[in-house]
Protein backbone atom coordinates (compact mmCIF):
# COMPACT_ATOMS: atom_id res chain seq x y z
CA MET A 1 0.00 0.00 0.00
CA THR A 2 1.30 3.46 -0.87
CA ASN A 3 1.21 6.15 1.79
CA THR A 4 0.63 9.55 0.13
CA THR A 5 0.36 11.62 3.33
CA THR A 6 2.76 14.57 3.56
CA HIS A 7 4.08 15.25 7.05
CA LYS A 8 5.82 18.38 8.33
CA THR A 9 8.35 18.49 11.15
CA ASP A 10 11.58 20.18 12.21
CA VAL A 11 13.97 17.25 11.77
CA VAL A 12 13.84 13.92 9.94
CA ILE A 13 16.12 11.24 11.37
CA ILE A 14 16.96 8.38 9.02
CA GLY A 15 17.74 5.41 11.26
CA ALA A 16 16.04 4.51 14.55
CA GLY A 17 18.94 2.75 16.26
CA PRO A 18 20.29 3.84 19.67
CA VAL A 19 22.06 6.91 18.27
CA GLY A 20 19.02 8.01 16.27
CA LEU A 21 16.83 7.58 19.35
CA PHE A 22 19.18 9.61 21.54
CA ALA A 23 19.21 12.31 18.87
CA VAL A 24 15.46 12.69 19.51
CA PHE A 25 16.29 13.47 23.15
CA GLU A 26 18.95 16.07 22.34
CA LEU A 27 16.75 17.72 19.71
CA GLY A 28 13.78 17.63 22.07
CA LEU A 29 15.72 19.58 24.69
CA VAL A 30 15.96 22.45 22.20
CA ASP A 31 12.27 22.14 21.24
CA LEU A 32 12.76 20.49 17.85
CA LYS A 33 10.23 17.88 16.76
CA CYS A 34 11.34 14.71 14.98
CA HIS A 35 10.10 12.05 12.58
CA LEU A 36 12.19 8.89 12.26
CA ILE A 37 12.43 6.50 9.30
CA ASP A 38 13.84 2.98 9.56
CA ILE A 39 13.86 0.04 7.17
CA LEU A 40 13.41 -2.36 10.09
CA PRO A 41 9.91 -3.03 11.48
CA VAL A 42 11.07 -2.22 15.03
CA VAL A 43 13.12 0.50 16.68
CA GLY A 44 16.58 -0.21 18.06
CA GLY A 45 18.55 -0.87 14.89
CA GLN A 46 21.16 -3.60 15.05
CA CYS A 47 20.91 -3.73 18.86
CA ALA A 48 17.31 -4.88 18.63
CA GLU A 49 17.59 -6.88 15.40
CA LEU A 50 20.86 -8.76 15.86
CA TYR A 51 21.54 -9.01 19.59
CA PRO A 52 18.50 -7.93 21.65
CA GLN A 53 19.49 -10.22 24.53
CA LYS A 54 23.27 -9.96 24.19
CA PRO A 55 24.94 -7.87 26.92
CA ILE A 56 26.66 -4.59 26.01
CA TYR A 57 29.39 -3.55 28.43
CA ASP A 58 30.49 -0.06 27.32
CA ILE A 59 27.39 2.08 27.90
CA PRO A 60 28.21 4.66 30.62
CA ALA A 61 26.65 3.92 34.02
CA PHE A 62 25.49 0.46 32.90
CA PRO A 63 28.06 -2.27 33.69
CA SER A 64 25.91 -4.55 31.56
CA ILE A 65 22.79 -3.89 29.49
CA THR A 66 21.22 -5.85 26.65
CA GLY A 67 20.46 -4.35 23.27
CA GLN A 68 16.73 -4.55 23.97
CA GLU A 69 17.06 -3.00 27.43
CA LEU A 70 19.07 -0.13 25.97
CA THR A 71 16.42 0.39 23.31
CA ASP A 72 13.61 0.28 25.89
CA ASN A 73 15.40 2.80 28.12
CA LEU A 74 15.97 5.19 25.22
CA MET A 75 12.31 4.94 24.21
CA GLU A 76 11.31 5.80 27.78
CA GLN A 77 13.75 8.71 27.81
CA ILE A 78 12.35 10.28 24.61
CA LYS A 79 8.69 9.73 25.46
CA PRO A 80 8.14 13.39 26.52
CA PHE A 81 9.04 14.54 22.99
CA ASP A 82 6.46 12.44 21.10
CA PRO A 83 8.58 11.40 18.11
CA VAL A 84 6.78 9.96 15.08
CA PHE A 85 8.08 6.68 13.64
CA HIS A 86 7.83 5.46 10.06
CA LEU A 87 9.04 1.86 10.34
CA GLY A 88 9.46 -0.80 7.69
CA GLN A 89 10.31 1.92 5.17
CA MET A 90 13.46 2.99 3.36
CA ALA A 91 14.37 6.61 2.70
CA ILE A 92 14.98 6.69 -1.04
CA GLY A 93 15.40 10.37 -1.79
CA VAL A 94 15.90 13.89 -0.44
CA GLU A 95 15.08 17.03 -2.35
CA LYS A 96 15.30 20.75 -1.64
CA ILE A 97 11.83 22.17 -2.34
CA GLY A 98 12.14 25.83 -1.34
CA THR A 99 12.99 28.23 1.46
CA ASP A 100 11.09 29.69 4.40
CA GLU A 101 10.61 33.37 5.26
CA ASN A 102 14.08 33.46 6.84
CA GLY A 103 15.78 32.03 3.78
CA VAL A 104 16.29 28.59 5.38
CA ASP A 105 16.05 25.68 2.94
CA ILE A 106 13.08 23.34 3.18
CA TRP A 107 13.81 19.68 2.43
CA GLN A 108 11.54 16.85 1.40
CA VAL A 109 12.29 13.21 2.30
CA LYS A 110 10.53 10.37 0.50
CA THR A 111 10.33 6.67 1.38
CA ASP A 112 9.87 3.60 -0.76
CA ILE A 113 6.18 3.29 0.22
CA GLY A 114 5.35 6.88 -0.62
CA THR A 115 5.65 8.63 2.75
CA VAL A 116 6.65 12.28 2.26
CA ILE A 117 8.07 14.43 5.07
CA GLU A 118 9.01 18.10 4.86
CA CYS A 119 11.63 19.43 7.26
CA LYS A 120 14.44 21.92 7.78
CA CYS A 121 17.11 19.47 8.91
CA ILE A 122 17.91 15.86 8.10
CA VAL A 123 19.99 13.56 10.30
CA ILE A 124 21.47 10.40 8.80
CA SER A 125 21.85 7.90 11.63
CA ALA A 126 21.68 4.68 9.68
CA GLY A 127 24.38 2.72 11.51
CA GLY A 128 26.29 0.74 8.91
CA GLY A 129 23.58 1.45 6.36
CA SER A 130 21.20 -1.19 5.10
CA PHE A 131 22.33 -4.63 6.21
CA VAL A 132 21.40 -8.15 5.29
CA PRO A 133 22.79 -11.42 6.62
CA LYS A 134 25.15 -13.40 4.44
CA LYS A 135 23.28 -16.61 3.73
CA PRO A 136 25.05 -19.95 3.44
CA PRO A 137 25.07 -21.34 -0.12
CA ILE A 138 22.77 -24.24 0.72
CA GLN A 139 20.18 -25.39 -1.77
CA GLY A 140 16.62 -25.05 -0.49
CA ILE A 141 17.47 -23.04 2.64
CA GLU A 142 14.66 -20.57 1.88
CA GLU A 143 12.07 -23.24 2.77
CA TYR A 144 13.33 -23.31 6.36
CA GLU A 145 13.92 -19.60 6.96
CA GLY A 146 11.72 -18.19 9.70
CA LYS A 147 10.66 -21.64 10.97
CA SER A 148 13.90 -23.44 11.78
CA VAL A 149 16.66 -21.32 10.19
CA PHE A 150 17.28 -17.92 11.79
CA TYR A 151 19.88 -15.21 11.23
CA SER A 152 19.37 -13.50 14.58
CA VAL A 153 18.09 -14.34 18.06
CA ARG A 154 15.15 -12.20 19.13
CA ASP A 155 13.77 -14.53 21.81
CA MET A 156 16.05 -17.04 23.51
CA GLU A 157 13.08 -19.00 24.84
CA LYS A 158 12.25 -20.08 21.29
CA PHE A 159 15.44 -22.16 21.38
CA ARG A 160 14.97 -23.79 24.79
CA ASN A 161 15.26 -27.60 24.73
CA LYS A 162 16.01 -27.58 21.00
CA LYS A 163 18.77 -29.35 19.11
CA ILE A 164 20.64 -26.30 17.88
CA VAL A 165 23.38 -25.95 15.30
CA VAL A 166 25.26 -22.65 15.21
CA ALA A 167 27.42 -22.07 12.13
CA GLY A 168 30.27 -19.58 11.86
CA GLY A 169 33.56 -18.60 13.43
CA GLY A 170 33.14 -14.95 14.45
CA ASP A 171 31.91 -13.18 17.55
CA SER A 172 28.19 -13.62 16.82
CA ALA A 173 28.52 -17.38 16.31
CA LEU A 174 30.67 -17.85 19.41
CA ASP A 175 28.57 -15.60 21.63
CA TRP A 176 25.29 -17.25 20.73
CA ALA A 177 26.75 -20.74 20.94
CA ASN A 178 27.96 -19.94 24.46
CA ASN A 179 24.69 -18.24 25.47
CA LEU A 180 22.32 -20.85 24.06
CA ALA A 181 24.20 -23.98 25.13
CA PRO A 182 22.85 -23.92 28.73
CA ILE A 183 19.18 -23.87 27.60
CA SER A 184 19.44 -26.18 24.60
CA LYS A 185 18.78 -29.91 24.41
CA SER A 186 22.04 -30.07 22.48
CA LEU A 187 24.18 -27.47 20.74
CA THR A 188 26.75 -27.97 18.03
CA LEU A 189 29.03 -25.27 16.68
CA VAL A 190 30.04 -25.87 13.07
CA HIS A 191 32.99 -24.10 11.45
CA ARG A 192 35.03 -24.98 8.42
CA ARG A 193 38.35 -24.77 10.27
CA ASP A 194 39.60 -25.02 13.84
CA ASP A 195 40.53 -21.35 13.91
CA PHE A 196 38.15 -18.63 15.08
CA ARG A 197 37.91 -14.89 14.43
CA GLY A 198 36.09 -14.09 17.67
CA HIS A 199 37.33 -12.57 20.90
CA PRO A 200 39.83 -14.87 22.67
CA ALA A 201 37.68 -14.98 25.80
CA SER A 202 34.71 -16.23 23.77
CA VAL A 203 36.87 -18.83 22.04
CA ASN A 204 38.19 -20.03 25.38
CA GLU A 205 34.67 -20.23 26.83
CA MET A 206 33.52 -22.28 23.85
CA ARG A 207 36.45 -24.71 24.10
CA ASP A 208 35.84 -25.08 27.84
CA LYS A 209 32.20 -25.99 27.21
CA VAL A 210 33.26 -28.51 24.54
CA SER A 211 35.74 -30.12 26.94
CA LYS A 212 32.95 -30.47 29.51
CA ASN A 213 30.53 -31.92 26.93
CA GLU A 214 28.24 -28.93 27.36
CA MET A 215 28.33 -28.40 23.60
CA SER A 216 29.92 -30.00 20.54
CA LEU A 217 32.31 -28.68 17.91
CA GLU A 218 32.35 -29.95 14.33
CA ILE A 219 35.10 -28.84 11.96
CA ALA A 220 33.19 -29.25 8.74
CA GLN A 221 31.06 -27.51 6.12
CA ILE A 222 27.28 -27.61 5.87
CA LYS A 223 26.29 -29.32 2.63
CA GLY A 224 22.55 -29.81 2.98
CA LEU A 225 19.40 -29.63 5.11
CA ASN A 226 16.94 -32.43 5.80
CA GLY A 227 13.39 -31.93 7.02
CA LYS A 228 9.75 -31.45 6.08
CA ASN A 229 7.50 -28.41 5.68
CA GLY A 230 10.19 -26.01 6.81
CA ASN A 231 11.01 -27.99 9.96
CA LEU A 232 14.58 -29.24 10.20
CA GLU A 233 15.40 -32.76 11.31
CA SER A 234 19.11 -32.95 10.53
CA ILE A 235 21.88 -31.24 8.60
CA LEU A 236 24.44 -32.81 6.29
CA LEU A 237 28.07 -32.02 7.01
CA LYS A 238 31.21 -32.69 5.00
CA HIS A 239 34.69 -33.16 6.43
CA LYS A 240 37.72 -33.55 4.19
CA GLU A 241 38.75 -36.77 5.98
CA LYS A 242 35.51 -38.11 7.52
CA GLY A 243 33.49 -37.46 4.38
CA GLU A 244 29.76 -36.68 4.60
CA TYR A 245 27.68 -37.34 7.71
CA GLU A 246 24.49 -36.10 9.38
CA ILE A 247 23.86 -34.59 12.79
CA PRO A 248 20.41 -33.98 14.36
CA CYS A 249 19.15 -30.41 14.22
CA ASP A 250 15.91 -28.59 15.08
CA MET A 251 17.22 -25.05 14.71
CA LEU A 252 20.05 -23.70 12.55
CA LEU A 253 21.65 -20.32 13.24
CA PRO A 254 24.10 -19.35 10.47
CA PHE A 255 26.26 -16.39 11.51
CA TYR A 256 28.38 -15.69 8.45
CA GLY A 257 28.39 -11.93 8.90
CA LEU A 258 26.45 -9.11 7.33
CA THR A 259 26.59 -7.41 3.99
CA MET A 260 26.53 -3.67 4.62
CA THR A 261 25.61 -1.06 2.05
CA LEU A 262 24.74 2.61 2.18
CA GLY A 263 21.80 1.84 -0.08
CA PRO A 264 19.93 4.86 -1.50
CA VAL A 265 21.68 7.16 1.01
CA LYS A 266 24.78 6.83 -1.15
CA ASP A 267 23.02 8.75 -3.92
CA PHE A 268 21.92 11.71 -1.79
CA GLY A 269 24.96 13.74 -2.89
CA PHE A 270 27.17 13.78 0.22
CA GLU A 271 30.95 13.76 0.13
CA LEU A 272 31.90 10.19 0.99
CA HIS A 273 34.92 8.48 2.50
CA LYS A 274 36.01 5.42 0.51
CA ASP A 275 32.54 5.32 -1.04
CA THR A 276 31.06 3.79 2.11
CA LEU A 277 30.92 6.43 4.86
CA ILE A 278 29.63 10.01 5.04
CA LYS A 279 32.25 12.69 5.75
CA VAL A 280 31.36 15.17 8.51
CA ASP A 281 33.04 17.96 10.45
CA THR A 282 33.56 17.46 14.17
CA GLU A 283 32.18 20.82 15.28
CA LYS A 284 28.56 20.08 14.39
CA PHE A 285 28.63 16.74 12.51
CA GLU A 286 27.23 18.33 9.39
CA THR A 287 27.77 16.69 6.01
CA SER A 288 29.02 18.49 2.91
CA ILE A 289 25.38 19.56 2.35
CA PRO A 290 24.21 22.29 4.77
CA GLN A 291 21.31 21.35 7.07
CA ILE A 292 22.01 17.62 6.62
CA PHE A 293 23.91 15.88 9.41
CA SER A 294 25.33 12.40 9.99
CA ILE A 295 25.87 10.74 13.35
CA GLY A 296 26.86 7.26 14.48
CA ASP A 297 28.64 4.48 12.62
CA ILE A 298 27.69 5.75 9.18
CA ASN A 299 29.85 8.88 9.42
CA TYR A 300 33.60 9.42 9.09
CA TYR A 301 36.12 11.87 10.53
CA SER A 302 39.73 11.58 11.65
CA GLY A 303 39.88 9.59 14.89
CA LYS A 304 36.37 8.16 14.54
CA LEU A 305 35.50 5.32 16.91
CA LYS A 306 32.48 3.19 16.03
CA LEU A 307 30.96 3.17 19.50
CA ILE A 308 27.41 3.90 20.60
CA LEU A 309 28.72 6.41 23.15
CA SER A 310 30.53 8.29 20.36
CA GLY A 311 27.23 8.61 18.53
CA PHE A 312 25.60 9.99 21.68
CA HIS A 313 28.25 12.73 21.84
CA GLU A 314 27.78 13.51 18.16
CA SER A 315 24.01 13.83 18.70
CA ALA A 316 24.47 16.57 21.29
CA LEU A 317 26.63 18.75 19.04
CA MET A 318 24.40 18.14 16.03
CA ALA A 319 21.33 19.33 17.95
CA GLN A 320 22.93 22.68 18.76
CA LYS A 321 23.51 23.47 15.09
CA ALA A 322 20.13 22.09 14.00
CA PHE A 323 18.49 24.57 16.39
CA SER A 324 20.18 27.50 14.64
CA TYR A 325 18.81 26.37 11.26
CA CYS A 326 15.29 25.86 12.56
CA ASN A 327 15.33 29.07 14.63
CA PRO A 328 17.66 31.55 12.87
CA ASP A 329 16.14 34.46 14.77
CA LYS A 330 16.70 32.95 18.22
CA LYS A 331 19.79 32.54 20.38
CA LEU A 332 20.18 29.16 22.08
CA LEU A 333 20.90 29.37 25.79
CA PHE A 334 22.93 26.34 26.84
CA GLN A 335 21.46 24.73 29.95
CA TYR A 336 22.04 21.67 32.15
CA THR A 337 19.23 19.23 32.85
CA THR A 338 20.39 19.01 36.49
CA SER A 339 19.71 22.69 37.17
CA SER A 340 17.36 24.01 34.49
CA SER A 341 13.73 24.08 35.59
CA SER A 342 12.62 24.64 31.98
CA LEU A 343 14.43 21.51 30.78
CA GLN A 344 13.08 19.52 33.71
CA LYS A 345 9.58 20.68 32.81
CA LYS A 346 10.07 19.38 29.26
CA LEU A 347 11.16 16.03 30.71
CA ASN A 348 8.16 15.91 33.07
CA VAL A 349 10.49 15.84 36.06
CA LYS A 350 8.64 16.54 39.28
């Protein structure tokens, strides 16, 4: 269905991951309203889609917090600002459509289902861009996807007491093998070689579990799937010395990485770094196009660290400059939430 409604707001944020959500908070503090667009059907970006129950250890003041908990907390934090979400949509174009009475450009953002939003500022917070899992080259795997083959773990309980096979040799494969082993009926990690790309601590944890028979390790390649009506019964493995053999399997989790692409954002006209990242300045995190900003993993500047907390910092500076575009006749008074009664009123602090 095509959505032909035209919306008007101060700022459009493309990407509703943690950094995009925190940008709503920073913009809300300076009285700017936001609409957010995300290709995923849920907010939270990669945190919610790829590791909602995986702990994150480098969020300030939270020794440990899951991707879903972080998303939930951010949603609670921005509730006073009533952001509008356009989920399950991809931003496919931006166009300058005129100027306001102060000579500030008005932009129009369109999505692939026909949503149109007019605004004065655009914030690109699309993480690594559009991402899709790399699928194993197994004939007929599509029949099982969504029923017994999954590329992310959204609910660990779905895997309780199941015969699980995790495939891959990176951090995602190791982390989920270690996390799911205690609740599974059996868990087997399959990798084509006895050498892993993941964090040494995760590798050591996996090998310890294997030595204690808490999980199995097969050095082999997946050659085929066996089952009926999308329900797996076993998978066919091939080892260069042992040949082909089957192991029982109810659920297969292939973690072969993600294919990242800027998607349509690449064609918006920004100056890019190595054709994959958006160049910004570090004073206000503005792109080469005035009134369009980029924050989070999708941007590039000298010394950039791809951390959520870096994106939070970038959001704060972006919001200050966005205010000046949306309110060219006003001077922004910098205030602290700890002492400003006006900010506390906006946040419904009693």
